[in-house]
Amino acid sequence: MSTTRERCPWCGTDPLYVHYHDTVWGRPEYDDQALFEKLCLDGQQAGLSWITILRKQESYRAAFAGFDPEQIVRFTERDQARLLENPGIIRNRLKVQSIIRNARSYLALKEQGIGFADFLWQFVEHQPRQNHWQTIEQVPATTAESEAMSRALKKSRFQFCRPNHRVRLYAGYRYGERSPGHLPGPSGMSRTGPMIPTGMGSVNLPVSQFRELYRANNSQ
């Protein structure tokens, strides 16, 4: 019997992507700061591939004080200039500033007694959603939950949080009845793996790119 693990087609064979699939994708996240990091990194991906951001993740953690909002809000203009010279991150002024502004928004919620995890998970009543889509064509670009989440984030002055900007902000993103969070394979069997939380740990690809990857891998 083969012990090879069958994976979703989007991760391909890149070791970093495979590790992400096996250890991050599909695992609900409830830690405030970890979710803050996910939101910020997702914004950094705008216009780029997610694997580009994954390869820079440790550099981002080093550059942004481990994504500690308390430290990030103290960044000065000199710190921002230093970040824009850092080859380990995306050297885009708006993206650098968005992390600092998101840290301020995160702390503003905290001052109101609102944890970031509770803030995000409220849109799905604090429970992962399980849908039963069987093909990539069935997946809508946004849902009512993701749009509500995006509006609430924007109202709280978070940046780079459009509802269809990334699948990661996608509320209720699920595939397959046997294995929530993973696409069915060519045989119709769901791919193995843990559940993914609603909008809290998905693939971080634009829906159009996700569909292209799915079709390409399943046509081989």
C-alpha atoms as a PDB file:
ATOM      1  CA  MET A   1       0.000   0.000   0.000  1.00  0.00           C
ATOM      2  CA  SER A   2       1.327   3.420  -0.930  1.00  0.00           C
ATOM      3  CA  THR A   3       1.984   5.779   1.954  1.00  0.00           C
ATOM      4  CA  THR A   4       2.347   8.798  -0.318  1.00  0.00           C
ATOM      5  CA  ARG A   5       0.100  11.560   0.871  1.00  0.00           C
ATOM      6  CA  GLU A   6      -2.282  12.895  -1.744  1.00  0.00           C
ATOM      7  CA  ARG A   7      -2.301  16.683  -1.692  1.00  0.00           C
ATOM      8  CA  CYS A   8      -4.343  19.466  -3.191  1.00  0.00           C
ATOM      9  CA  PRO A   9      -3.056  20.341  -6.663  1.00  0.00           C
ATOM     10  CA  TRP A  10      -2.311  23.995  -5.899  1.00  0.00           C
ATOM     11  CA  CYS A  11       0.778  23.233  -3.800  1.00  0.00           C
ATOM     12  CA  GLY A  12       2.602  21.401  -6.587  1.00  0.00           C
ATOM     13  CA  THR A  13       5.997  19.982  -5.582  1.00  0.00           C
ATOM     14  CA  ASP A  14       7.766  23.034  -4.179  1.00  0.00           C
ATOM     15  CA  PRO A  15       9.019  21.903  -0.724  1.00  0.00           C
ATOM     16  CA  LEU A  16       7.994  25.167   0.924  1.00  0.00           C
ATOM     17  CA  TYR A  17       4.509  25.000  -0.563  1.00  0.00           C
ATOM     18  CA  VAL A  18       4.183  21.331   0.389  1.00  0.00           C
ATOM     19  CA  HIS A  19       5.191  22.159   3.963  1.00  0.00           C
ATOM     20  CA  TYR A  20       2.649  24.984   4.012  1.00  0.00           C
ATOM     21  CA  HIS A  21      -0.050  22.628   2.749  1.00  0.00           C
ATOM     22  CA  ASP A  22       0.761  19.964   5.338  1.00  0.00           C
ATOM     23  CA  THR A  23       1.273  22.160   8.404  1.00  0.00           C
ATOM     24  CA  VAL A  24      -0.647  25.424   7.895  1.00  0.00           C
ATOM     25  CA  TRP A  25      -3.389  24.994   5.314  1.00  0.00           C
ATOM     26  CA  GLY A  26      -6.444  23.458   6.868  1.00  0.00           C
ATOM     27  CA  ARG A  27      -5.683  24.322  10.476  1.00  0.00           C
ATOM     28  CA  PRO A  28      -7.997  26.773  12.255  1.00  0.00           C
ATOM     29  CA  GLU A  29      -6.127  29.667  13.818  1.00  0.00           C
ATOM     30  CA  TYR A  30      -7.435  31.425  16.912  1.00  0.00           C
ATOM     31  CA  ASP A  31      -4.367  33.325  18.106  1.00  0.00           C
ATOM     32  CA  ASP A  32      -4.780  37.097  17.769  1.00  0.00           C
ATOM     33  CA  GLN A  33      -1.215  37.868  16.779  1.00  0.00           C
ATOM     34  CA  ALA A  34      -0.920  34.929  14.403  1.00  0.00           C
ATOM     35  CA  LEU A  35      -4.050  36.111  12.594  1.00  0.00           C
ATOM     36  CA  PHE A  36      -2.651  39.631  12.492  1.00  0.00           C
ATOM     37  CA  GLU A  37       0.438  38.260  10.781  1.00  0.00           C
ATOM     38  CA  LYS A  38      -1.711  36.358   8.288  1.00  0.00           C
ATOM     39  CA  LEU A  39      -3.696  39.470   7.421  1.00  0.00           C
ATOM     40  CA  CYS A  40      -0.564  41.560   6.951  1.00  0.00           C
ATOM     41  CA  LEU A  41       1.225  38.977   4.830  1.00  0.00           C
ATOM     42  CA  ASP A  42      -1.869  38.531   2.725  1.00  0.00           C
ATOM     43  CA  GLY A  43      -1.774  42.247   1.952  1.00  0.00           C
ATOM     44  CA  GLN A  44       1.863  41.966   0.956  1.00  0.00           C
ATOM     45  CA  GLN A  45       0.889  39.417  -1.678  1.00  0.00           C
ATOM     46  CA  ALA A  46      -1.199  41.891  -3.717  1.00  0.00           C
ATOM     47  CA  GLY A  47      -0.076  41.524  -7.332  1.00  0.00           C
ATOM     48  CA  LEU A  48       2.332  38.696  -6.474  1.00  0.00           C
ATOM     49  CA  SER A  49       2.245  34.931  -5.962  1.00  0.00           C
ATOM     50  CA  TRP A  50       1.797  33.516  -2.469  1.00  0.00           C
ATOM     51  CA  ILE A  51       4.970  31.453  -2.755  1.00  0.00           C
ATOM     52  CA  THR A  52       6.890  34.746  -3.102  1.00  0.00           C
ATOM     53  CA  ILE A  53       5.567  35.844   0.277  1.00  0.00           C
ATOM     54  CA  LEU A  54       6.161  32.452   1.875  1.00  0.00           C
ATOM     55  CA  ARG A  55       9.812  32.674   0.857  1.00  0.00           C
ATOM     56  CA  LYS A  56      10.050  36.040   2.565  1.00  0.00           C
ATOM     57  CA  GLN A  57       8.011  35.193   5.667  1.00  0.00           C
ATOM     58  CA  GLU A  58      10.952  34.842   8.042  1.00  0.00           C
ATOM     59  CA  SER A  59      12.445  38.085   6.730  1.00  0.00           C
ATOM     60  CA  TYR A  60       9.122  39.800   7.405  1.00  0.00           C
ATOM     61  CA  ARG A  61       9.053  38.438  10.937  1.00  0.00           C
ATOM     62  CA  ALA A  62      12.549  39.752  11.575  1.00  0.00           C
ATOM     63  CA  ALA A  63      11.804  43.115   9.980  1.00  0.00           C
ATOM     64  CA  PHE A  64       8.487  43.648  11.763  1.00  0.00           C
ATOM     65  CA  ALA A  65       9.372  42.549  15.290  1.00  0.00           C
ATOM     66  CA  GLY A  66       7.695  39.175  14.988  1.00  0.00           C
ATOM     67  CA  PHE A  67       4.486  40.952  13.982  1.00  0.00           C
ATOM     68  CA  ASP A  68       4.079  42.329  17.488  1.00  0.00           C
ATOM     69  CA  PRO A  69       1.654  45.254  17.039  1.00  0.00           C
ATOM     70  CA  GLU A  70       2.892  46.921  20.238  1.00  0.00           C
ATOM     71  CA  GLN A  71       6.362  47.227  18.726  1.00  0.00           C
ATOM     72  CA  ILE A  72       5.268  47.960  15.172  1.00  0.00           C
ATOM     73  CA  VAL A  73       3.277  51.065  16.140  1.00  0.00           C
ATOM     74  CA  ARG A  74       6.481  52.572  17.501  1.00  0.00           C
ATOM     75  CA  PHE A  75       8.195  52.398  14.111  1.00  0.00           C
ATOM     76  CA  THR A  76       9.480  55.810  13.050  1.00  0.00           C
ATOM     77  CA  GLU A  77      10.051  57.385   9.651  1.00  0.00           C
ATOM     78  CA  ARG A  78      13.637  56.208   9.939  1.00  0.00           C
ATOM     79  CA  ASP A  79      12.409  52.660  10.529  1.00  0.00           C
ATOM     80  CA  GLN A  80      10.229  52.875   7.449  1.00  0.00           C
ATOM     81  CA  ALA A  81      13.176  54.094   5.376  1.00  0.00           C
ATOM     82  CA  ARG A  82      15.223  51.181   6.691  1.00  0.00           C
ATOM     83  CA  LEU A  83      12.468  48.726   5.750  1.00  0.00           C
ATOM     84  CA  LEU A  84      12.358  50.103   2.218  1.00  0.00           C
ATOM     85  CA  GLU A  85      16.028  49.158   1.872  1.00  0.00           C
ATOM     86  CA  ASN A  86      15.474  45.614   3.144  1.00  0.00           C
ATOM     87  CA  PRO A  87      15.811  43.110   0.262  1.00  0.00           C
ATOM     88  CA  GLY A  88      14.141  40.409   2.357  1.00  0.00           C
ATOM     89  CA  ILE A  89      10.690  42.002   2.085  1.00  0.00           C
ATOM     90  CA  ILE A  90       8.583  43.622  -0.642  1.00  0.00           C
ATOM     91  CA  ARG A  91       9.997  47.141  -0.812  1.00  0.00           C
ATOM     92  CA  ASN A  92       6.777  48.938  -1.557  1.00  0.00           C
ATOM     93  CA  ARG A  93       6.019  52.013   0.544  1.00  0.00           C
ATOM     94  CA  LEU A  94       2.271  51.461   0.653  1.00  0.00           C
ATOM     95  CA  LYS A  95       2.682  47.839   1.691  1.00  0.00           C
ATOM     96  CA  VAL A  96       5.203  48.701   4.405  1.00  0.00           C
ATOM     97  CA  GLN A  97       2.954  51.450   5.726  1.00  0.00           C
ATOM     98  CA  SER A  98      -0.077  49.152   5.636  1.00  0.00           C
ATOM     99  CA  ILE A  99       1.477  46.847   8.251  1.00  0.00           C
ATOM    100  CA  ILE A 100       2.132  49.794  10.560  1.00  0.00           C
ATOM    101  CA  ARG A 101      -1.397  51.103  10.079  1.00  0.00           C
ATOM    102  CA  ASN A 102      -2.857  47.667  10.587  1.00  0.00           C
ATOM    103  CA  ALA A 103      -0.977  47.441  13.875  1.00  0.00           C
ATOM    104  CA  ARG A 104      -2.654  50.668  14.998  1.00  0.00           C
ATOM    105  CA  SER A 105      -6.055  49.297  14.003  1.00  0.00           C
ATOM    106  CA  TYR A 106      -5.338  46.027  15.813  1.00  0.00           C
ATOM    107  CA  LEU A 107      -4.494  47.891  19.016  1.00  0.00           C
ATOM    108  CA  ALA A 108      -7.529  50.147  18.645  1.00  0.00           C
ATOM    109  CA  LEU A 109      -9.727  47.044  18.686  1.00  0.00           C
ATOM    110  CA  LYS A 110      -7.823  45.737  21.690  1.00  0.00           C
ATOM    111  CA  GLU A 111      -8.447  48.996  23.562  1.00  0.00           C
ATOM    112  CA  GLN A 112     -12.161  48.425  22.978  1.00  0.00           C
ATOM    113  CA  GLY A 113     -11.854  44.985  24.540  1.00  0.00           C
ATOM    114  CA  ILE A 114     -12.129  43.188  21.190  1.00  0.00           C
ATOM    115  CA  GLY A 115      -9.669  40.410  20.415  1.00  0.00           C
ATOM    116  CA  PHE A 116      -8.646  40.128  16.781  1.00  0.00           C
ATOM    117  CA  ALA A 117      -9.553  36.439  16.583  1.00  0.00           C
ATOM    118  CA  ASP A 118     -13.036  37.114  17.954  1.00  0.00           C
ATOM    119  CA  PHE A 119     -13.374  40.028  15.547  1.00  0.00           C
ATOM    120  CA  LEU A 120     -12.664  37.816  12.528  1.00  0.00           C
ATOM    121  CA  TRP A 121     -14.403  34.625  13.589  1.00  0.00           C
ATOM    122  CA  GLN A 122     -17.641  36.439  14.429  1.00  0.00           C
ATOM    123  CA  PHE A 123     -18.549  36.435  10.740  1.00  0.00           C
ATOM    124  CA  VAL A 124     -19.002  32.668  10.801  1.00  0.00           C
ATOM    125  CA  GLU A 125     -20.338  32.449  14.348  1.00  0.00           C
ATOM    126  CA  HIS A 126     -16.925  31.279  15.591  1.00  0.00           C
ATOM    127  CA  GLN A 127     -17.160  27.946  13.808  1.00  0.00           C
ATOM    128  CA  PRO A 128     -15.431  26.693  10.622  1.00  0.00           C
ATOM    129  CA  ARG A 129     -17.912  26.344   7.773  1.00  0.00           C
ATOM    130  CA  GLN A 130     -18.120  23.146   5.790  1.00  0.00           C
ATOM    131  CA  ASN A 131     -19.408  23.434   2.251  1.00  0.00           C
ATOM    132  CA  HIS A 132     -19.650  20.573  -0.229  1.00  0.00           C
ATOM    133  CA  TRP A 133     -18.378  22.017  -3.488  1.00  0.00           C
ATOM    134  CA  GLN A 134     -16.975  19.376  -5.793  1.00  0.00           C
ATOM    135  CA  THR A 135     -15.481  21.474  -8.600  1.00  0.00           C
ATOM    136  CA  ILE A 136     -13.508  24.696  -8.719  1.00  0.00           C
ATOM    137  CA  GLU A 137     -16.191  26.252 -10.930  1.00  0.00           C
ATOM    138  CA  GLN A 138     -18.646  26.053  -8.046  1.00  0.00           C
ATOM    139  CA  VAL A 139     -16.542  28.333  -5.867  1.00  0.00           C
ATOM    140  CA  PRO A 140     -17.735  31.957  -5.872  1.00  0.00           C
ATOM    141  CA  ALA A 141     -15.169  34.769  -5.770  1.00  0.00           C
ATOM    142  CA  THR A 142     -16.717  36.169  -2.591  1.00  0.00           C
ATOM    143  CA  THR A 143     -19.409  35.309  -0.078  1.00  0.00           C
ATOM    144  CA  ALA A 144     -21.705  37.421   2.051  1.00  0.00           C
ATOM    145  CA  GLU A 145     -19.456  36.581   5.010  1.00  0.00           C
ATOM    146  CA  SER A 146     -16.245  37.604   3.290  1.00  0.00           C
ATOM    147  CA  GLU A 147     -17.794  40.862   2.134  1.00  0.00           C
ATOM    148  CA  ALA A 148     -19.047  41.598   5.649  1.00  0.00           C
ATOM    149  CA  MET A 149     -15.599  40.820   7.036  1.00  0.00           C
ATOM    150  CA  SER A 150     -13.958  43.111   4.510  1.00  0.00           C
ATOM    151  CA  ARG A 151     -16.337  45.974   5.295  1.00  0.00           C
ATOM    152  CA  ALA A 152     -15.740  45.591   9.016  1.00  0.00           C
ATOM    153  CA  LEU A 153     -11.960  45.520   8.556  1.00  0.00           C
ATOM    154  CA  LYS A 154     -12.069  48.646   6.410  1.00  0.00           C
ATOM    155  CA  LYS A 155     -14.339  50.386   8.915  1.00  0.00           C
ATOM    156  CA  SER A 156     -11.762  49.592  11.578  1.00  0.00           C
ATOM    157  CA  ARG A 157      -9.108  51.123   9.259  1.00  0.00           C
ATOM    158  CA  PHE A 158      -7.325  47.941   8.256  1.00  0.00           C
ATOM    159  CA  GLN A 159      -5.770  47.996   4.802  1.00  0.00           C
ATOM    160  CA  PHE A 160      -5.457  45.486   1.937  1.00  0.00           C
ATOM    161  CA  CYS A 161      -8.569  43.552   2.939  1.00  0.00           C
ATOM    162  CA  ARG A 162     -10.853  43.397  -0.095  1.00  0.00           C
ATOM    163  CA  PRO A 163     -13.298  40.446   0.056  1.00  0.00           C
ATOM    164  CA  ASN A 164     -12.156  39.015  -3.279  1.00  0.00           C
ATOM    165  CA  HIS A 165      -8.550  40.141  -2.984  1.00  0.00           C
ATOM    166  CA  ARG A 166      -7.420  36.789  -1.682  1.00  0.00           C
ATOM    167  CA  VAL A 167      -9.022  33.469  -0.975  1.00  0.00           C
ATOM    168  CA  ARG A 168      -7.666  33.755   2.574  1.00  0.00           C
ATOM    169  CA  LEU A 169     -10.314  36.322   3.467  1.00  0.00           C
ATOM    170  CA  TYR A 170     -12.874  33.989   1.997  1.00  0.00           C
ATOM    171  CA  ALA A 171     -15.551  33.121   4.531  1.00  0.00           C
ATOM    172  CA  GLY A 172     -16.781  29.537   4.270  1.00  0.00           C
ATOM    173  CA  TYR A 173     -14.114  28.246   1.891  1.00  0.00           C
ATOM    174  CA  ARG A 174     -14.534  24.460   1.802  1.00  0.00           C
ATOM    175  CA  TYR A 175     -14.193  21.567  -0.610  1.00  0.00           C
ATOM    176  CA  GLY A 176     -15.186  17.935  -0.462  1.00  0.00           C
ATOM    177  CA  GLU A 177     -17.409  16.085   1.954  1.00  0.00           C
ATOM    178  CA  ARG A 178     -14.822  13.647   3.263  1.00  0.00           C
ATOM    179  CA  SER A 179     -12.049  16.113   3.747  1.00  0.00           C
ATOM    180  CA  PRO A 180     -13.164  19.733   4.267  1.00  0.00           C
ATOM    181  CA  GLY A 181     -10.734  22.271   2.919  1.00  0.00           C
ATOM    182  CA  HIS A 182      -9.340  20.104   0.135  1.00  0.00           C
ATOM    183  CA  LEU A 183     -10.413  19.710  -3.466  1.00  0.00           C
ATOM    184  CA  PRO A 184     -11.636  16.369  -4.786  1.00  0.00           C
ATOM    185  CA  GLY A 185      -9.073  14.600  -6.943  1.00  0.00           C
ATOM    186  CA  PRO A 186      -9.572  13.479 -10.537  1.00  0.00           C
ATOM    187  CA  SER A 187     -11.210  10.282  -9.321  1.00  0.00           C
ATOM    188  CA  GLY A 188     -13.815  12.227  -7.365  1.00  0.00           C
ATOM    189  CA  MET A 189     -12.298  11.281  -4.014  1.00  0.00           C
ATOM    190  CA  SER A 190     -11.650  14.144  -1.652  1.00  0.00           C
ATOM    191  CA  ARG A 191      -8.024  14.872  -0.937  1.00  0.00           C
ATOM    192  CA  THR A 192      -6.747  14.126   2.522  1.00  0.00           C
ATOM    193  CA  GLY A 193      -5.986  16.756   5.107  1.00  0.00           C
ATOM    194  CA  PRO A 194      -7.337  18.747   8.033  1.00  0.00           C
ATOM    195  CA  MET A 195     -10.156  21.242   7.950  1.00  0.00           C
ATOM    196  CA  ILE A 196      -9.418  24.830   7.125  1.00  0.00           C
ATOM    197  CA  PRO A 197     -10.958  27.659   9.114  1.00  0.00           C
ATOM    198  CA  THR A 198     -13.274  30.101   7.447  1.00  0.00           C
ATOM    199  CA  GLY A 199     -11.080  32.742   5.933  1.00  0.00           C
ATOM    200  CA  MET A 200      -8.294  32.065   8.417  1.00  0.00           C
ATOM    201  CA  GLY A 201      -5.921  29.684   6.693  1.00  0.00           C
ATOM    202  CA  SER A 202      -6.731  29.151   3.081  1.00  0.00           C
ATOM    203  CA  VAL A 203      -4.509  29.057   0.073  1.00  0.00           C
ATOM    204  CA  ASN A 204      -3.822  32.763  -0.364  1.00  0.00           C
ATOM    205  CA  LEU A 205      -4.248  32.746  -4.117  1.00  0.00           C
ATOM    206  CA  PRO A 206      -6.522  34.888  -6.259  1.00  0.00           C
ATOM    207  CA  VAL A 207      -9.494  32.735  -7.223  1.00  0.00           C
ATOM    208  CA  SER A 208      -8.634  32.937 -10.922  1.00  0.00           C
ATOM    209  CA  GLN A 209      -5.082  31.691 -10.292  1.00  0.00           C
ATOM    210  CA  PHE A 210      -6.364  28.946  -8.006  1.00  0.00           C
ATOM    211  CA  ARG A 211      -8.644  27.716 -10.772  1.00  0.00           C
ATOM    212  CA  GLU A 212      -5.816  27.742 -13.304  1.00  0.00           C
ATOM    213  CA  LEU A 213      -3.616  25.671 -10.989  1.00  0.00           C
ATOM    214  CA  TYR A 214      -6.411  23.223 -10.304  1.00  0.00           C
ATOM    215  CA  ARG A 215      -7.167  22.658 -13.981  1.00  0.00           C
ATOM    216  CA  ALA A 216      -3.501  22.368 -14.912  1.00  0.00           C
ATOM    217  CA  ASN A 217      -2.758  19.755 -12.263  1.00  0.00           C
ATOM    218  CA  ASN A 218      -5.856  17.698 -12.946  1.00  0.00           C
ATOM    219  CA  SER A 219      -5.350  17.605 -16.700  1.00  0.00           C
ATOM    220  CA  GLN A 220      -2.041  15.748 -16.362  1.00  0.00           C
END
